[in-house]
C-alpha atoms as a PDB file:
ATOM      1  CA  MET A   1       2.718  15.206 -20.056  1.00  0.00           C
ATOM      2  CA  LYS A   2       4.949  18.672 -19.180  1.00  0.00           C
ATOM      3  CA  LYS A   3       5.882  19.105 -22.740  1.00  0.00           C
ATOM      4  CA  TYR A   4       2.271  18.648 -23.987  1.00  0.00           C
ATOM      5  CA  LEU A   5       0.408  20.570 -21.832  1.00  0.00           C
ATOM      6  CA  ILE A   6       3.162  23.669 -22.535  1.00  0.00           C
ATOM      7  CA  ALA A   7       2.736  23.035 -26.425  1.00  0.00           C
ATOM      8  CA  ALA A   8      -0.997  22.950 -25.658  1.00  0.00           C
ATOM      9  CA  SER A   9      -1.003  26.323 -23.891  1.00  0.00           C
ATOM     10  CA  ILE A  10       0.970  27.890 -26.746  1.00  0.00           C
ATOM     11  CA  ILE A  11      -1.447  27.031 -29.306  1.00  0.00           C
ATOM     12  CA  VAL A  12      -4.534  27.893 -27.067  1.00  0.00           C
ATOM     13  CA  SER A  13      -2.901  31.823 -26.697  1.00  0.00           C
ATOM     14  CA  CYS A  14      -2.986  31.867 -30.543  1.00  0.00           C
ATOM     15  CA  LEU A  15      -6.071  30.251 -31.429  1.00  0.00           C
ATOM     16  CA  LEU A  16      -8.157  31.189 -28.598  1.00  0.00           C
ATOM     17  CA  THR A  17     -11.614  29.160 -28.957  1.00  0.00           C
ATOM     18  CA  ALA A  18     -10.337  26.791 -31.554  1.00  0.00           C
ATOM     19  CA  CYS A  19      -8.463  24.670 -29.371  1.00  0.00           C
ATOM     20  CA  SER A  20      -9.434  25.411 -25.829  1.00  0.00           C
ATOM     21  CA  SER A  21     -11.576  22.310 -25.302  1.00  0.00           C
ATOM     22  CA  GLY A  22      -8.854  19.689 -26.025  1.00  0.00           C
ATOM     23  CA  PRO A  23      -6.333  20.197 -23.509  1.00  0.00           C
ATOM     24  CA  LYS A  24      -8.718  20.754 -20.660  1.00  0.00           C
ATOM     25  CA  ARG A  25     -10.457  17.621 -21.580  1.00  0.00           C
ATOM     26  CA  GLN A  26      -7.172  15.815 -21.441  1.00  0.00           C
ATOM     27  CA  MET A  27      -6.373  17.272 -18.152  1.00  0.00           C
ATOM     28  CA  SER A  28      -9.604  16.101 -16.906  1.00  0.00           C
ATOM     29  CA  ILE A  29      -9.196  12.316 -18.185  1.00  0.00           C
ATOM     30  CA  THR A  30      -5.659  12.510 -16.309  1.00  0.00           C
ATOM     31  CA  THR A  31      -6.829  13.740 -13.041  1.00  0.00           C
ATOM     32  CA  ILE A  32      -9.465  11.449 -12.647  1.00  0.00           C
ATOM     33  CA  GLN A  33      -7.395   8.755 -13.635  1.00  0.00           C
ATOM     34  CA  ASP A  34      -4.889   9.847 -10.847  1.00  0.00           C
ATOM     35  CA  SER A  35      -7.552  10.606  -8.253  1.00  0.00           C
ATOM     36  CA  CYS A  36      -9.321   6.894  -8.882  1.00  0.00           C
ATOM     37  CA  LYS A  37      -5.541   5.167  -8.422  1.00  0.00           C
ATOM     38  CA  ASP A  38      -5.264   7.169  -5.511  1.00  0.00           C
ATOM     39  CA  SER A  39      -8.470   6.053  -4.085  1.00  0.00           C
ATOM     40  CA  ILE A  40      -7.573   2.220  -4.821  1.00  0.00           C
ATOM     41  CA  GLU A  41      -3.884   2.678  -2.958  1.00  0.00           C
ATOM     42  CA  SER A  42      -5.865   4.172  -0.030  1.00  0.00           C
ATOM     43  CA  ALA A  43      -8.438   1.418   0.186  1.00  0.00           C
ATOM     44  CA  ASN A  44      -5.491  -1.064   0.110  1.00  0.00           C
ATOM     45  CA  ALA A  45      -4.020   0.728   2.997  1.00  0.00           C
ATOM     46  CA  CYS A  46      -7.434   0.776   4.549  1.00  0.00           C
ATOM     47  CA  ILE A  47      -7.184  -2.948   4.225  1.00  0.00           C
ATOM     48  CA  LEU A  48      -4.256  -3.836   5.560  1.00  0.00           C
ATOM     49  CA  ASN A  49      -5.033  -1.559   8.678  1.00  0.00           C
ATOM     50  CA  GLY A  50      -8.460  -3.180   9.215  1.00  0.00           C
ATOM     51  CA  ASN A  51     -10.510  -0.352   8.491  1.00  0.00           C
ATOM     52  CA  TYR A  52     -12.880  -2.692   5.816  1.00  0.00           C
ATOM     53  CA  GLN A  53     -15.866   0.204   6.229  1.00  0.00           C
ATOM     54  CA  GLN A  54     -13.980   2.716   4.796  1.00  0.00           C
ATOM     55  CA  ALA A  55     -11.594   0.689   2.297  1.00  0.00           C
ATOM     56  CA  GLU A  56     -15.506   0.026   1.056  1.00  0.00           C
ATOM     57  CA  GLU A  57     -16.526   3.124   0.753  1.00  0.00           C
ATOM     58  CA  ILE A  58     -13.487   4.390  -0.538  1.00  0.00           C
ATOM     59  CA  LEU A  59     -13.751   1.490  -3.362  1.00  0.00           C
ATOM     60  CA  ALA A  60     -17.428   2.797  -4.081  1.00  0.00           C
ATOM     61  CA  ARG A  61     -15.739   6.173  -5.079  1.00  0.00           C
ATOM     62  CA  ALA A  62     -12.943   4.517  -7.255  1.00  0.00           C
ATOM     63  CA  LYS A  63     -15.596   2.486  -9.103  1.00  0.00           C
ATOM     64  CA  THR A  64     -17.693   5.601 -10.143  1.00  0.00           C
ATOM     65  CA  GLN A  65     -14.584   7.152 -11.170  1.00  0.00           C
ATOM     66  CA  ALA A  66     -13.303   4.432 -13.182  1.00  0.00           C
ATOM     67  CA  LEU A  67     -16.502   4.288 -14.858  1.00  0.00           C
ATOM     68  CA  SER A  68     -16.964   7.688 -15.399  1.00  0.00           C
ATOM     69  CA  ILE A  69     -14.002   7.749 -17.988  1.00  0.00           C
ATOM     70  CA  ASP A  70     -14.624   4.308 -19.339  1.00  0.00           C
ATOM     71  CA  ASN A  71     -11.191   2.830 -17.875  1.00  0.00           C
ATOM     72  CA  TYR A  72     -11.531  -1.172 -17.514  1.00  0.00           C
ATOM     73  CA  ASP A  73      -7.624  -1.485 -16.360  1.00  0.00           C
ATOM     74  CA  LEU A  74      -8.779   0.816 -13.419  1.00  0.00           C
ATOM     75  CA  LEU A  75     -12.228  -1.198 -13.027  1.00  0.00           C
ATOM     76  CA  LEU A  76     -10.340  -4.320 -12.924  1.00  0.00           C
ATOM     77  CA  SER A  77      -7.879  -2.717 -10.168  1.00  0.00           C
ATOM     78  CA  VAL A  78     -11.296  -1.935  -8.165  1.00  0.00           C
ATOM     79  CA  HIS A  79     -12.728  -5.231  -8.620  1.00  0.00           C
ATOM     80  CA  LEU A  80      -9.708  -7.165  -7.161  1.00  0.00           C
ATOM     81  CA  ALA A  81      -9.154  -4.934  -4.127  1.00  0.00           C
ATOM     82  CA  HIS A  82     -12.590  -5.616  -3.485  1.00  0.00           C
ATOM     83  CA  VAL A  83     -11.084  -9.525  -3.359  1.00  0.00           C
ATOM     84  CA  SER A  84      -8.754  -8.548  -0.859  1.00  0.00           C
ATOM     85  CA  LEU A  85     -11.066  -6.693   1.239  1.00  0.00           C
ATOM     86  CA  PHE A  86     -13.351  -9.532   1.460  1.00  0.00           C
ATOM     87  CA  LEU A  87     -10.510 -11.966   2.154  1.00  0.00           C
ATOM     88  CA  SER A  88      -9.136 -10.207   4.986  1.00  0.00           C
ATOM     89  CA  TYR A  89     -12.308 -10.597   6.829  1.00  0.00           C
ATOM     90  CA  ASN A  90     -12.377 -13.130  10.027  1.00  0.00           C
ATOM     91  CA  PRO A  91     -13.584 -15.587   8.700  1.00  0.00           C
ATOM     92  CA  PRO A  92     -13.239 -14.370   4.976  1.00  0.00           C
ATOM     93  CA  GLU A  93     -16.059 -13.872   2.834  1.00  0.00           C
ATOM     94  CA  ILE A  94     -15.351 -16.378   0.120  1.00  0.00           C
ATOM     95  CA  THR A  95     -18.898 -16.152  -1.640  1.00  0.00           C
ATOM     96  CA  LYS A  96     -18.211 -12.308  -2.114  1.00  0.00           C
ATOM     97  CA  ALA A  97     -14.663 -12.696  -3.247  1.00  0.00           C
ATOM     98  CA  LYS A  98     -15.541 -15.078  -5.889  1.00  0.00           C
ATOM     99  CA  LYS A  99     -17.994 -12.983  -7.196  1.00  0.00           C
ATOM    100  CA  TYR A 100     -15.579 -10.357  -7.643  1.00  0.00           C
ATOM    101  CA  VAL A 101     -12.755 -12.625  -9.162  1.00  0.00           C
ATOM    102  CA  SER A 102     -15.811 -13.786 -11.669  1.00  0.00           C
ATOM    103  CA  SER A 103     -16.567  -9.971 -12.542  1.00  0.00           C
ATOM    104  CA  SER A 104     -12.851  -9.532 -12.887  1.00  0.00           C
ATOM    105  CA  TYR A 105     -12.550 -12.378 -15.501  1.00  0.00           C
ATOM    106  CA  GLU A 106     -15.297 -11.028 -17.431  1.00  0.00           C
ATOM    107  CA  LEU A 107     -13.529  -7.280 -17.693  1.00  0.00           C
ATOM    108  CA  ILE A 108     -10.257  -8.918 -19.115  1.00  0.00           C
ATOM    109  CA  PRO A 109     -11.217  -8.372 -22.903  1.00  0.00           C
ATOM    110  CA  ASN A 110     -11.528  -4.605 -22.843  1.00  0.00           C
ATOM    111  CA  THR A 111      -8.413  -3.876 -20.897  1.00  0.00           C
ATOM    112  CA  THR A 112      -5.402  -2.760 -22.546  1.00  0.00           C
ATOM    113  CA  LYS A 113      -3.126  -5.642 -20.771  1.00  0.00           C
ATOM    114  CA  LEU A 114      -5.005  -8.886 -21.504  1.00  0.00           C
ATOM    115  CA  LYS A 115      -2.209 -11.164 -20.056  1.00  0.00           C
ATOM    116  CA  GLU A 116      -1.351  -9.240 -17.467  1.00  0.00           C
ATOM    117  CA  SER A 117      -5.029  -8.750 -16.465  1.00  0.00           C
ATOM    118  CA  GLU A 118      -5.676 -12.234 -16.653  1.00  0.00           C
ATOM    119  CA  LEU A 119      -2.613 -13.377 -14.733  1.00  0.00           C
ATOM    120  CA  LEU A 120      -3.742 -10.452 -11.800  1.00  0.00           C
ATOM    121  CA  CYS A 121      -7.096 -12.312 -11.814  1.00  0.00           C
ATOM    122  CA  ALA A 122      -5.567 -15.784 -11.484  1.00  0.00           C
ATOM    123  CA  MET A 123      -3.446 -14.599  -8.361  1.00  0.00           C
ATOM    124  CA  SER A 124      -6.431 -13.335  -6.874  1.00  0.00           C
ATOM    125  CA  GLU A 125      -8.239 -16.822  -7.396  1.00  0.00           C
ATOM    126  CA  ALA A 126      -5.468 -18.398  -6.082  1.00  0.00           C
ATOM    127  CA  ARG A 127      -5.500 -16.056  -2.711  1.00  0.00           C
ATOM    128  CA  ILE A 128      -9.221 -17.516  -2.507  1.00  0.00           C
ATOM    129  CA  LEU A 129      -7.856 -21.469  -2.851  1.00  0.00           C
ATOM    130  CA  ILE A 130      -5.607 -20.692   0.155  1.00  0.00           C
ATOM    131  CA  ALA A 131      -8.245 -19.068   2.358  1.00  0.00           C
ATOM    132  CA  GLN A 132     -10.342 -22.262   2.068  1.00  0.00           C
ATOM    133  CA  ASN A 133      -7.488 -24.286   2.869  1.00  0.00           C
ATOM    134  CA  LYS A 134      -7.826 -26.006  -0.927  1.00  0.00           C
ATOM    135  CA  VAL A 135      -4.349 -25.839  -1.490  1.00  0.00           C
ATOM    136  CA  GLN A 136      -3.360 -29.341  -1.664  1.00  0.00           C
ATOM    137  CA  GLU A 137      -5.790 -30.316  -4.559  1.00  0.00           C
ATOM    138  CA  ASN A 138      -4.634 -27.764  -6.808  1.00  0.00           C
ATOM    139  CA  PHE A 139      -1.308 -27.282  -5.906  1.00  0.00           C
ATOM    140  CA  GLU A 140      -0.050 -27.753  -9.370  1.00  0.00           C
ATOM    141  CA  SER A 141      -1.922 -25.315 -11.167  1.00  0.00           C
ATOM    142  CA  ILE A 142      -1.604 -22.549  -8.887  1.00  0.00           C
ATOM    143  CA  VAL A 143       2.163 -23.073  -8.453  1.00  0.00           C
ATOM    144  CA  ASP A 144       2.137 -23.050 -12.692  1.00  0.00           C
ATOM    145  CA  LYS A 145      -0.106 -19.919 -12.879  1.00  0.00           C
ATOM    146  CA  ILE A 146       1.865 -18.169 -10.510  1.00  0.00           C
ATOM    147  CA  ASP A 147       5.497 -19.009 -11.778  1.00  0.00           C
ATOM    148  CA  ASN A 148       3.685 -17.897 -15.095  1.00  0.00           C
ATOM    149  CA  ALA A 149       2.572 -14.540 -13.694  1.00  0.00           C
ATOM    150  CA  LYS A 150       6.169 -14.026 -12.084  1.00  0.00           C
ATOM    151  CA  LYS A 151       7.823 -14.057 -15.202  1.00  0.00           C
ATOM    152  CA  VAL A 152       5.585 -11.475 -16.955  1.00  0.00           C
ATOM    153  CA  PHE A 153       5.571  -9.179 -13.962  1.00  0.00           C
ATOM    154  CA  LYS A 154       9.268  -9.521 -13.898  1.00  0.00           C
ATOM    155  CA  ASP A 155      10.173  -6.048 -14.243  1.00  0.00           C
ATOM    156  CA  LYS A 156       6.924  -5.275 -11.706  1.00  0.00           C
ATOM    157  CA  PRO A 157       8.756  -5.677  -8.199  1.00  0.00           C
ATOM    158  CA  TYR A 158       5.631  -5.080  -6.486  1.00  0.00           C
ATOM    159  CA  ASN A 159       3.229  -7.638  -8.563  1.00  0.00           C
ATOM    160  CA  HIS A 160       6.310 -10.238  -8.469  1.00  0.00           C
ATOM    161  CA  ALA A 161       7.087  -9.803  -4.672  1.00  0.00           C
ATOM    162  CA  GLN A 162       3.055 -10.544  -4.347  1.00  0.00           C
ATOM    163  CA  CYS A 163       3.465 -13.675  -6.891  1.00  0.00           C
ATOM    164  CA  ASP A 164       6.256 -14.753  -4.243  1.00  0.00           C
ATOM    165  CA  SER A 165       4.122 -14.389  -1.321  1.00  0.00           C
ATOM    166  CA  ILE A 166       1.171 -16.237  -2.528  1.00  0.00           C
ATOM    167  CA  LEU A 167       3.370 -19.202  -3.698  1.00  0.00           C
ATOM    168  CA  GLY A 168       5.112 -19.074   0.166  1.00  0.00           C
ATOM    169  CA  ASP A 169       1.651 -19.475   1.480  1.00  0.00           C
ATOM    170  CA  VAL A 170       0.981 -22.350  -1.028  1.00  0.00           C
ATOM    171  CA  TYR A 171       4.610 -24.036  -0.266  1.00  0.00           C
ATOM    172  CA  ARG A 172       3.711 -23.495   3.488  1.00  0.00           C
ATOM    173  CA  LEU A 173       0.185 -25.150   3.437  1.00  0.00           C
ATOM    174  CA  ALA A 174       1.564 -28.039   1.564  1.00  0.00           C
ATOM    175  CA  GLY A 175       4.090 -28.590   4.290  1.00  0.00           C
ATOM    176  CA  LYS A 176       6.794 -27.655   2.060  1.00  0.00           C
ATOM    177  CA  TYR A 177       8.108 -25.518   4.772  1.00  0.00           C
ATOM    178  CA  LYS A 178      12.001 -25.026   3.111  1.00  0.00           C
ATOM    179  CA  ASP A 179      10.636 -23.899  -0.283  1.00  0.00           C
ATOM    180  CA  ALA A 180       8.289 -21.703   1.546  1.00  0.00           C
ATOM    181  CA  ASP A 181      10.948 -20.021   3.660  1.00  0.00           C
ATOM    182  CA  LYS A 182      13.140 -19.462   0.462  1.00  0.00           C
ATOM    183  CA  ILE A 183      10.259 -17.832  -1.399  1.00  0.00           C
ATOM    184  CA  TYR A 184       8.917 -15.741   1.404  1.00  0.00           C
ATOM    185  CA  HIS A 185      12.461 -14.134   1.821  1.00  0.00           C
ATOM    186  CA  GLU A 186      12.367 -13.453  -1.741  1.00  0.00           C
ATOM    187  CA  ALA A 187       9.262 -11.602  -1.418  1.00  0.00           C
ATOM    188  CA  ALA A 188      10.548  -9.743   1.568  1.00  0.00           C
ATOM    189  CA  LYS A 189      13.623  -8.442  -0.164  1.00  0.00           C
ATOM    190  CA  LEU A 190      11.671  -7.381  -3.210  1.00  0.00           C
ATOM    191  CA  PHE A 191       9.217  -5.486  -0.612  1.00  0.00           C
ATOM    192  CA  THR A 192      12.081  -4.064   1.161  1.00  0.00           C
ATOM    193  CA  ASP A 193      14.009  -2.830  -1.685  1.00  0.00           C
ATOM    194  CA  GLN A 194      10.870  -1.236  -2.965  1.00  0.00           C
ATOM    195  CA  ARG A 195       9.974   0.147   0.714  1.00  0.00           C
ATOM    196  CA  TYR A 196       6.584  -1.669   0.679  1.00  0.00           C
ATOM    197  CA  LEU A 197       6.566  -1.455   4.618  1.00  0.00           C
ATOM    198  CA  SER A 198       3.464  -2.950   5.449  1.00  0.00           C
ATOM    199  CA  GLU A 199       3.555  -5.807   2.830  1.00  0.00           C
ATOM    200  CA  ILE A 200       7.197  -6.452   4.427  1.00  0.00           C
ATOM    201  CA  GLY A 201       5.842  -6.683   7.773  1.00  0.00           C
ATOM    202  CA  ILE A 202       3.191  -9.268   6.415  1.00  0.00           C
ATOM    203  CA  THR A 203       5.992 -11.324   5.088  1.00  0.00           C
ATOM    204  CA  TRP A 204       7.872 -11.345   7.923  1.00  0.00           C
ATOM    205  CA  TYR A 205       4.776 -12.218   9.889  1.00  0.00           C
ATOM    206  CA  LYS A 206       4.095 -15.099   7.071  1.00  0.00           C
ATOM    207  CA  ILE A 207       8.093 -16.263   7.733  1.00  0.00           C
ATOM    208  CA  ALA A 208       7.189 -16.239  11.501  1.00  0.00           C
ATOM    209  CA  GLN A 209       4.204 -18.639  10.662  1.00  0.00           C
ATOM    210  CA  ASN A 210       6.468 -20.726   8.390  1.00  0.00           C
ATOM    211  CA  GLN A 211       9.429 -20.907  10.817  1.00  0.00           C
ATOM    212  CA  SER A 212       7.014 -21.878  14.052  1.00  0.00           C
ATOM    213  CA  GLN A 213       4.903 -25.004  11.726  1.00  0.00           C
ATOM    214  CA  SER A 214       8.356 -26.260  10.725  1.00  0.00           C
ATOM    215  CA  GLY A 215       9.519 -26.298  14.425  1.00  0.00           C
ATOM    216  CA  ASN A 216      11.770 -23.670  14.542  1.00  0.00           C
ATOM    217  CA  GLN A 217      10.410 -21.395  17.455  1.00  0.00           C
ATOM    218  CA  LYS A 218      13.688 -19.453  17.820  1.00  0.00           C
ATOM    219  CA  GLY A 219      13.452 -18.643  14.063  1.00  0.00           C
ATOM    220  CA  ALA A 220      10.047 -17.766  14.254  1.00  0.00           C
ATOM    221  CA  LEU A 221      10.215 -15.384  17.157  1.00  0.00           C
ATOM    222  CA  GLU A 222      13.255 -13.638  15.522  1.00  0.00           C
ATOM    223  CA  ALA A 223      11.436 -13.149  12.476  1.00  0.00           C
ATOM    224  CA  LEU A 224       8.411 -12.061  14.303  1.00  0.00           C
ATOM    225  CA  ASN A 225      10.661  -9.165  15.933  1.00  0.00           C
ATOM    226  CA  THR A 226      11.510  -8.123  12.051  1.00  0.00           C
ATOM    227  CA  ALA A 227       7.718  -8.092  11.523  1.00  0.00           C
ATOM    228  CA  ILE A 228       7.078  -5.590  14.888  1.00  0.00           C
ATOM    229  CA  HIS A 229       9.946  -3.290  13.675  1.00  0.00           C
ATOM    230  CA  TYR A 230       8.141  -2.683   9.775  1.00  0.00           C
ATOM    231  CA  ASP A 231       4.950  -3.028  11.229  1.00  0.00           C
ATOM    232  CA  ARG A 232       5.899  -0.121  13.901  1.00  0.00           C
ATOM    233  CA  LEU A 233       7.394   1.970  10.981  1.00  0.00           C
ATOM    234  CA  ALA A 234       4.283   1.493   8.916  1.00  0.00           C
ATOM    235  CA  GLU A 235       2.144   2.233  11.931  1.00  0.00           C
ATOM    236  CA  ASN A 236       0.335  -0.576  11.347  1.00  0.00           C
ATOM    237  CA  SER A 237      -2.046  -1.201  14.636  1.00  0.00           C
ATOM    238  CA  MET A 238      -3.907  -4.401  13.309  1.00  0.00           C
ATOM    239  CA  ALA A 239      -1.016  -5.922  12.055  1.00  0.00           C
ATOM    240  CA  LEU A 240       1.121  -5.204  15.395  1.00  0.00           C
ATOM    241  CA  GLY A 241      -2.097  -6.542  17.496  1.00  0.00           C
ATOM    242  CA  ALA A 242      -1.729  -9.676  15.052  1.00  0.00           C
ATOM    243  CA  ASP A 243       1.816  -9.995  15.379  1.00  0.00           C
ATOM    244  CA  TYR A 244       2.030  -9.826  19.962  1.00  0.00           C
ATOM    245  CA  TYR A 245      -1.077 -12.510  19.169  1.00  0.00           C
ATOM    246  CA  ILE A 246       0.990 -15.003  17.119  1.00  0.00           C
ATOM    247  CA  LYS A 247       3.965 -14.307  19.402  1.00  0.00           C
ATOM    248  CA  ALA A 248       1.825 -15.955  22.169  1.00  0.00           C
ATOM    249  CA  VAL A 249       0.542 -18.825  19.790  1.00  0.00           C
ATOM    250  CA  ILE A 250       4.315 -19.550  19.027  1.00  0.00           C
ATOM    251  CA  LEU A 251       5.167 -19.612  22.571  1.00  0.00           C
ATOM    252  CA  LEU A 252       2.758 -21.814  24.024  1.00  0.00           C
ATOM    253  CA  LYS A 253       3.132 -24.534  21.028  1.00  0.00           C
ATOM    254  CA  GLY A 254       3.787 -27.521  22.563  1.00  0.00           C
ATOM    255  CA  LYS A 255       4.526 -28.096  26.402  1.00  0.00           C
ATOM    256  CA  PRO A 256       5.925 -24.297  26.980  1.00  0.00           C
ATOM    257  CA  SER A 257       7.688 -23.565  30.080  1.00  0.00           C
ATOM    258  CA  GLU A 258       6.671 -21.127  32.602  1.00  0.00           C
ATOM    259  CA  ALA A 259       8.996 -18.585  31.480  1.00  0.00           C
ATOM    260  CA  ASN A 260       7.065 -19.099  27.838  1.00  0.00           C
ATOM    261  CA  ARG A 261       3.880 -19.155  29.358  1.00  0.00           C
ATOM    262  CA  THR A 262       4.542 -15.587  31.062  1.00  0.00           C
ATOM    263  CA  GLU A 263       6.100 -14.427  28.400  1.00  0.00           C
ATOM    264  CA  ALA A 264       2.983 -15.213  26.189  1.00  0.00           C
ATOM    265  CA  LYS A 265       0.727 -13.653  28.824  1.00  0.00           C
ATOM    266  CA  LYS A 266       2.687 -10.310  28.470  1.00  0.00           C
ATOM    267  CA  ALA A 267       1.990 -10.148  24.551  1.00  0.00           C
ATOM    268  CA  LEU A 268      -1.953 -11.262  24.539  1.00  0.00           C
ATOM    269  CA  LEU A 269      -2.079  -8.096  26.891  1.00  0.00           C
ATOM    270  CA  HIS A 270      -0.036  -6.044  24.645  1.00  0.00           C
ATOM    271  CA  SER A 271      -1.806  -7.387  21.682  1.00  0.00           C
ATOM    272  CA  ALA A 272      -5.272  -6.295  23.172  1.00  0.00           C
ATOM    273  CA  GLU A 273      -4.247  -2.740  24.566  1.00  0.00           C
ATOM    274  CA  ILE A 274      -3.071  -2.373  20.605  1.00  0.00           C
ATOM    275  CA  TYR A 275      -6.494  -3.693  19.397  1.00  0.00           C
ATOM    276  CA  THR A 276      -8.430  -1.624  22.021  1.00  0.00           C
ATOM    277  CA  ALA A 277      -6.187   1.487  21.288  1.00  0.00           C
ATOM    278  CA  ALA A 278      -6.957   1.396  17.449  1.00  0.00           C
ATOM    279  CA  GLU A 279     -10.740   0.378  18.276  1.00  0.00           C
ATOM    280  CA  LEU A 280     -10.643  -3.138  17.153  1.00  0.00           C
ATOM    281  CA  ALA A 281     -12.735  -4.510  20.313  1.00  0.00           C
ATOM    282  CA  GLU A 282     -13.402  -7.737  18.909  1.00  0.00           C
ATOM    283  CA  LEU A 283      -9.891  -8.594  18.068  1.00  0.00           C
ATOM    284  CA  ALA A 284      -8.780  -7.428  21.500  1.00  0.00           C
ATOM    285  CA  SER A 285     -11.706  -9.538  23.118  1.00  0.00           C
ATOM    286  CA  LYS A 286     -10.103 -12.549  21.007  1.00  0.00           C
ATOM    287  CA  SER A 287      -6.434 -11.490  22.532  1.00  0.00           C
ATOM    288  CA  MET A 288      -7.873 -11.861  25.971  1.00  0.00           C
ATOM    289  CA  GLU A 289      -9.979 -14.706  25.389  1.00  0.00           C
ATOM    290  CA  LEU A 290      -6.417 -16.772  24.911  1.00  0.00           C
ATOM    291  CA  TYR A 291      -5.001 -14.896  27.772  1.00  0.00           C
ATOM    292  CA  SER A 292      -7.673 -16.340  29.720  1.00  0.00           C
ATOM    293  CA  THR A 293      -6.861 -20.139  28.762  1.00  0.00           C
ATOM    294  CA  ILE A 294      -2.951 -20.097  30.210  1.00  0.00           C
ATOM    295  CA  GLU A 295      -2.584 -21.077  33.588  1.00  0.00           C
END
């Protein structure tokens, strides 16, 4: 691109009006593309941090940018980001998420990489089934699609790691905890190698959930400490609040000792403090609700 711009500048200096519109138009398109990509990344960051209203506003701007240059690849990314947004709500807004997956599939024929686009849509569709807890009846089809996506995205670490994270969820919800643990760790390694801090913390949170569900409390708490470490580095308030909340849930599982109940209370108070500081009052109240049930 740099060589192209230098060459264009030389031509412009020689043939003033004849070629002036060429490089300017190219620069305009590139600037809008880059701005749109930045907007999508910012929206995804807002989703991870629980700033849903801001994410919606940014995605509205990104959609306008993508449409203005008739870029269907970017438009697809905007639609799939909307799926992530609506699945992040508590409870998830399934109907809206499905609507955006459906419209995403309609965009595929106009994108530049049809197979990749189709698999990205399939990944989002799998996430909806996970959110609906409909893994058991769709287990084989989800695994087949995501395994296929992993092959296609083998040279794209972020997408590959996303596939692993989705597969881990599928195996965990199917009660295949050993398989889930293995694939979650693969996702964590890929995210760590690429330094995607928020995703690293979220993956270790999932590992903690999986360890707890398999009956390994010690392993769950160790995984959660790793999640907290990376969520601090990412300054992800929403994730940190969730980390301490789930820590209490793990400690209270079964017949907790007095020491575990005391530690759970501390974790819930801290969870509420973090949520309150981040102006997430509804989540803070949920932490305090659980706190009030501990004798």
